């Protein structure tokens, strides 16, 4: 049987309130991502790695063996390019999991 998981993308993980840098994510999504990413490929990859660490990092261990990942973004997190998030090994999230993003 295939394993599946649901990730609710909010500043709360596992029932423990913890700020996930909502202001940083908002600034990054509305600012850096909408600039010209082709201008600096290295900067883009660093940004995608940072977003992955902030948004996926807290649950990375729990979803390591999960094949299908359902992401339910909240507010501005609908603008995050989930499939393009890079982990520390240089793999895109879409390379590790089949992604399903819930519609707004």
N, C-alpha and C. Protein backbone atom coordinates (compact mmCIF):
# COMPACT_ATOMS: atom_id res chain seq x y z
N UNK A 1 0.84 -1.18 0.00
CA UNK A 1 0.00 0.00 0.00
C UNK A 1 0.88 1.24 0.00
N UNK A 2 0.47 2.25 -0.77
CA UNK A 2 1.22 3.48 -0.83
C UNK A 2 1.02 4.28 0.45
N UNK A 3 2.09 4.90 0.88
CA UNK A 3 2.00 5.78 2.03
C UNK A 3 1.59 7.16 1.55
N UNK A 4 0.83 7.87 2.34
CA UNK A 4 0.40 9.22 1.99
C UNK A 4 0.41 10.07 3.25
N UNK A 5 0.57 11.37 3.06
CA UNK A 5 0.56 12.29 4.20
C UNK A 5 -0.05 13.60 3.76
N UNK A 6 -0.55 14.33 4.72
CA UNK A 6 -1.10 15.65 4.47
C UNK A 6 -0.27 16.65 5.25
N UNK A 7 0.18 17.69 4.58
CA UNK A 7 0.92 18.76 5.23
C UNK A 7 0.06 20.01 5.18
N UNK A 8 -0.32 20.49 6.33
CA UNK A 8 -1.08 21.74 6.40
C UNK A 8 -0.04 22.83 6.61
N UNK A 9 0.16 23.65 5.59
CA UNK A 9 1.21 24.66 5.62
C UNK A 9 0.73 25.91 6.37
N UNK A 10 0.99 25.91 7.65
CA UNK A 10 0.68 27.06 8.50
C UNK A 10 1.85 27.22 9.45
N UNK A 11 1.87 28.28 10.23
CA UNK A 11 2.95 28.44 11.21
C UNK A 11 2.85 27.46 12.38
N UNK A 12 1.93 26.52 12.35
CA UNK A 12 1.77 25.55 13.44
C UNK A 12 2.09 24.16 12.92
N UNK A 13 3.01 23.46 13.57
CA UNK A 13 3.38 22.10 13.18
C UNK A 13 3.19 21.19 14.37
N UNK A 14 2.52 20.09 14.15
CA UNK A 14 2.36 19.08 15.19
C UNK A 14 1.63 19.58 16.42
N UNK A 15 0.76 20.57 16.27
CA UNK A 15 0.00 21.06 17.39
C UNK A 15 0.77 22.00 18.30
N UNK A 16 2.03 22.27 17.97
CA UNK A 16 2.83 23.17 18.79
C UNK A 16 2.97 24.49 18.03
N UNK A 17 2.49 25.57 18.64
CA UNK A 17 2.60 26.85 17.96
C UNK A 17 4.07 27.25 17.92
N UNK A 18 4.52 27.51 16.71
CA UNK A 18 5.91 27.92 16.53
C UNK A 18 5.95 28.83 15.31
N UNK A 19 6.51 30.01 15.49
CA UNK A 19 6.61 30.92 14.36
C UNK A 19 7.54 30.31 13.32
N UNK A 20 7.10 30.29 12.08
CA UNK A 20 7.87 29.69 11.00
C UNK A 20 8.41 30.80 10.10
N UNK A 21 8.46 32.01 10.63
CA UNK A 21 8.96 33.11 9.84
C UNK A 21 7.93 33.59 8.83
N UNK A 22 6.69 33.76 9.26
CA UNK A 22 5.62 34.17 8.36
C UNK A 22 6.00 35.47 7.64
N UNK A 23 6.59 36.39 8.37
CA UNK A 23 6.99 37.67 7.77
C UNK A 23 8.08 37.43 6.72
N UNK A 24 9.05 36.57 7.04
CA UNK A 24 10.10 36.25 6.08
C UNK A 24 9.54 35.58 4.83
N UNK A 25 8.64 34.63 5.03
CA UNK A 25 8.04 33.93 3.89
C UNK A 25 7.26 34.92 3.04
N UNK A 26 6.47 35.78 3.68
CA UNK A 26 5.68 36.76 2.94
C UNK A 26 6.59 37.68 2.14
N UNK A 27 7.63 38.20 2.77
CA UNK A 27 8.56 39.09 2.09
C UNK A 27 9.24 38.37 0.93
N UNK A 28 9.63 37.12 1.16
CA UNK A 28 10.31 36.36 0.13
C UNK A 28 9.39 36.03 -1.04
N UNK A 29 8.17 35.58 -0.74
CA UNK A 29 7.24 35.20 -1.81
C UNK A 29 6.83 36.42 -2.61
N UNK A 30 6.54 37.51 -1.95
CA UNK A 30 6.07 38.71 -2.65
C UNK A 30 7.23 39.51 -3.24
N UNK A 31 8.42 39.34 -2.72
CA UNK A 31 9.55 40.14 -3.17
C UNK A 31 10.50 39.38 -4.07
N UNK A 32 11.38 38.61 -3.47
CA UNK A 32 12.45 37.94 -4.22
C UNK A 32 11.93 37.07 -5.35
N UNK A 33 10.89 36.29 -5.08
CA UNK A 33 10.45 35.33 -6.09
C UNK A 33 9.93 36.02 -7.34
N UNK A 34 9.37 37.22 -7.19
CA UNK A 34 8.78 37.90 -8.34
C UNK A 34 9.79 38.78 -9.07
N UNK A 35 11.04 38.85 -8.59
CA UNK A 35 12.08 39.53 -9.35
C UNK A 35 12.46 38.64 -10.51
N UNK A 36 13.58 38.89 -11.14
CA UNK A 36 14.02 38.14 -12.30
C UNK A 36 14.89 36.96 -11.85
N UNK A 37 14.31 35.76 -11.64
CA UNK A 37 15.10 34.63 -11.12
C UNK A 37 16.20 34.16 -12.07
N UNK A 38 16.06 34.41 -13.39
CA UNK A 38 17.11 34.01 -14.33
C UNK A 38 18.37 34.83 -14.13
N UNK A 39 18.23 36.01 -13.55
CA UNK A 39 19.36 36.91 -13.34
C UNK A 39 20.41 36.27 -12.43
N UNK A 40 20.00 35.47 -11.50
CA UNK A 40 20.95 34.88 -10.57
C UNK A 40 20.47 33.49 -10.14
N UNK A 41 20.84 32.48 -10.91
CA UNK A 41 20.39 31.11 -10.65
C UNK A 41 20.81 30.64 -9.26
N UNK A 42 22.00 31.00 -8.84
CA UNK A 42 22.47 30.60 -7.52
C UNK A 42 21.58 31.19 -6.42
N UNK A 43 21.19 32.46 -6.57
CA UNK A 43 20.33 33.10 -5.58
C UNK A 43 18.96 32.41 -5.54
N UNK A 44 18.45 32.05 -6.70
CA UNK A 44 17.17 31.36 -6.77
C UNK A 44 17.22 30.02 -6.03
N UNK A 45 18.29 29.25 -6.26
CA UNK A 45 18.41 27.95 -5.59
C UNK A 45 18.58 28.11 -4.08
N UNK A 46 19.32 29.13 -3.66
CA UNK A 46 19.47 29.40 -2.23
C UNK A 46 18.12 29.74 -1.61
N UNK A 47 17.33 30.53 -2.32
CA UNK A 47 16.01 30.92 -1.85
C UNK A 47 15.09 29.71 -1.73
N UNK A 48 15.10 28.84 -2.76
CA UNK A 48 14.25 27.64 -2.73
C UNK A 48 14.69 26.68 -1.63
N UNK A 49 15.98 26.63 -1.35
CA UNK A 49 16.49 25.80 -0.26
C UNK A 49 16.06 26.37 1.09
N UNK A 50 16.09 27.69 1.23
CA UNK A 50 15.64 28.34 2.46
C UNK A 50 14.15 28.10 2.69
N UNK A 51 13.35 28.26 1.64
CA UNK A 51 11.91 28.01 1.78
C UNK A 51 11.65 26.56 2.18
N UNK A 52 12.39 25.64 1.59
CA UNK A 52 12.22 24.22 1.93
C UNK A 52 12.56 23.99 3.40
N UNK A 53 13.65 24.60 3.86
CA UNK A 53 14.04 24.42 5.27
C UNK A 53 12.99 24.97 6.22
N UNK A 54 12.40 26.11 5.86
CA UNK A 54 11.40 26.74 6.74
C UNK A 54 10.07 26.00 6.69
N UNK A 55 9.64 25.61 5.49
CA UNK A 55 8.30 25.03 5.34
C UNK A 55 8.25 23.52 5.47
N UNK A 56 9.27 22.83 4.99
CA UNK A 56 9.27 21.36 5.00
C UNK A 56 10.16 20.82 6.12
N UNK A 57 11.20 21.56 6.47
CA UNK A 57 12.15 21.12 7.49
C UNK A 57 11.54 20.58 8.77
N UNK A 58 10.55 21.29 9.36
CA UNK A 58 9.98 20.80 10.62
C UNK A 58 9.29 19.44 10.52
N UNK A 59 8.88 19.02 9.32
CA UNK A 59 8.19 17.75 9.16
C UNK A 59 8.98 16.77 8.28
N UNK A 60 10.19 17.13 7.92
CA UNK A 60 10.98 16.32 6.98
C UNK A 60 11.13 14.87 7.44
N UNK A 61 11.43 14.66 8.69
CA UNK A 61 11.60 13.30 9.19
C UNK A 61 10.32 12.48 9.11
N UNK A 62 9.20 13.14 9.36
CA UNK A 62 7.90 12.44 9.36
C UNK A 62 7.43 12.07 7.96
N UNK A 63 7.91 12.78 6.94
CA UNK A 63 7.44 12.52 5.57
C UNK A 63 8.50 11.87 4.70
N UNK A 64 9.62 11.49 5.31
CA UNK A 64 10.74 10.94 4.55
C UNK A 64 10.35 9.74 3.68
N UNK A 65 9.57 8.83 4.20
CA UNK A 65 9.18 7.62 3.47
C UNK A 65 7.84 7.74 2.76
N UNK A 66 7.24 8.91 2.81
CA UNK A 66 5.92 9.13 2.22
C UNK A 66 6.05 9.35 0.72
N UNK A 67 5.24 8.64 -0.07
CA UNK A 67 5.27 8.78 -1.52
C UNK A 67 4.43 9.96 -1.99
N UNK A 68 3.21 10.07 -1.48
CA UNK A 68 2.28 11.10 -1.91
C UNK A 68 2.10 12.11 -0.79
N UNK A 69 2.25 13.39 -1.12
CA UNK A 69 2.16 14.44 -0.13
C UNK A 69 1.06 15.42 -0.54
N UNK A 70 0.07 15.60 0.31
CA UNK A 70 -1.00 16.57 0.09
C UNK A 70 -0.66 17.81 0.90
N UNK A 71 -0.50 18.93 0.20
CA UNK A 71 -0.16 20.19 0.85
C UNK A 71 -1.39 21.09 0.81
N UNK A 72 -1.76 21.61 1.97
CA UNK A 72 -2.90 22.51 2.08
C UNK A 72 -2.34 23.87 2.53
N UNK A 73 -1.99 24.72 1.57
CA UNK A 73 -1.39 26.02 1.93
C UNK A 73 -2.40 26.95 2.59
N UNK A 74 -1.87 27.92 3.32
CA UNK A 74 -2.68 28.92 4.01
C UNK A 74 -2.25 30.31 3.54
N UNK A 75 -3.20 31.11 3.11
CA UNK A 75 -2.99 32.50 2.68
C UNK A 75 -1.91 32.60 1.61
N UNK A 76 -0.87 33.41 1.86
CA UNK A 76 0.15 33.66 0.84
C UNK A 76 0.99 32.42 0.50
N UNK A 77 0.84 31.36 1.26
CA UNK A 77 1.59 30.14 0.95
C UNK A 77 1.07 29.46 -0.32
N UNK A 78 -0.07 29.91 -0.84
CA UNK A 78 -0.54 29.40 -2.13
C UNK A 78 0.40 29.84 -3.25
N UNK A 79 1.19 30.88 -3.01
CA UNK A 79 2.11 31.39 -4.02
C UNK A 79 3.45 30.66 -4.03
N UNK A 80 3.69 29.80 -3.07
CA UNK A 80 4.96 29.08 -2.99
C UNK A 80 5.03 28.04 -4.11
N UNK A 81 6.16 27.97 -4.81
CA UNK A 81 6.35 26.95 -5.85
C UNK A 81 6.77 25.63 -5.21
N UNK A 82 5.81 24.93 -4.61
CA UNK A 82 6.09 23.74 -3.80
C UNK A 82 6.95 22.71 -4.52
N UNK A 83 6.65 22.41 -5.75
CA UNK A 83 7.39 21.37 -6.48
C UNK A 83 8.85 21.75 -6.65
N UNK A 84 9.15 23.05 -6.67
CA UNK A 84 10.51 23.53 -6.93
C UNK A 84 11.35 23.68 -5.66
N UNK A 85 10.78 23.43 -4.49
CA UNK A 85 11.56 23.56 -3.26
C UNK A 85 12.71 22.56 -3.27
N UNK A 86 13.89 23.05 -2.89
CA UNK A 86 15.11 22.23 -2.90
C UNK A 86 15.50 21.83 -1.49
N UNK A 87 15.84 20.54 -1.30
CA UNK A 87 16.32 20.12 0.02
C UNK A 87 17.84 20.31 0.08
N UNK A 88 18.43 19.95 1.21
CA UNK A 88 19.87 20.12 1.39
C UNK A 88 20.70 19.25 0.46
N UNK A 89 20.10 18.22 -0.11
CA UNK A 89 20.81 17.34 -1.04
C UNK A 89 20.67 17.79 -2.49
N UNK A 90 19.99 18.92 -2.71
CA UNK A 90 19.81 19.43 -4.06
C UNK A 90 18.69 18.78 -4.83
N UNK A 91 17.81 18.06 -4.13
CA UNK A 91 16.66 17.42 -4.78
C UNK A 91 15.43 18.29 -4.62
N UNK A 92 14.66 18.39 -5.72
CA UNK A 92 13.41 19.13 -5.66
C UNK A 92 12.37 18.29 -4.92
N UNK A 93 11.43 18.96 -4.26
CA UNK A 93 10.39 18.27 -3.51
C UNK A 93 9.62 17.31 -4.42
N UNK A 94 9.41 17.70 -5.67
CA UNK A 94 8.68 16.86 -6.62
C UNK A 94 9.47 15.59 -6.97
N UNK A 95 10.77 15.59 -6.77
CA UNK A 95 11.58 14.41 -7.03
C UNK A 95 11.47 13.39 -5.90
N UNK A 96 11.08 13.86 -4.72
CA UNK A 96 10.99 12.98 -3.56
C UNK A 96 9.57 12.50 -3.27
N UNK A 97 8.58 13.29 -3.71
CA UNK A 97 7.19 12.99 -3.40
C UNK A 97 6.28 13.31 -4.58
N UNK A 98 5.20 12.56 -4.71
CA UNK A 98 4.13 12.95 -5.62
C UNK A 98 3.35 14.02 -4.86
N UNK A 99 3.22 15.20 -5.46
CA UNK A 99 2.60 16.33 -4.77
C UNK A 99 1.17 16.58 -5.22
N UNK A 100 0.34 16.89 -4.27
CA UNK A 100 -1.02 17.35 -4.53
C UNK A 100 -1.19 18.61 -3.70
N UNK A 101 -1.56 19.71 -4.37
CA UNK A 101 -1.75 20.98 -3.68
C UNK A 101 -3.26 21.27 -3.69
N UNK A 102 -3.83 21.44 -2.49
CA UNK A 102 -5.26 21.72 -2.38
C UNK A 102 -5.55 23.10 -2.96
N UNK A 103 -6.64 23.21 -3.68
CA UNK A 103 -6.99 24.52 -4.27
C UNK A 103 -7.44 25.50 -3.19
N UNK A 104 -7.30 26.81 -3.50
CA UNK A 104 -7.72 27.84 -2.52
C UNK A 104 -9.23 27.86 -2.34
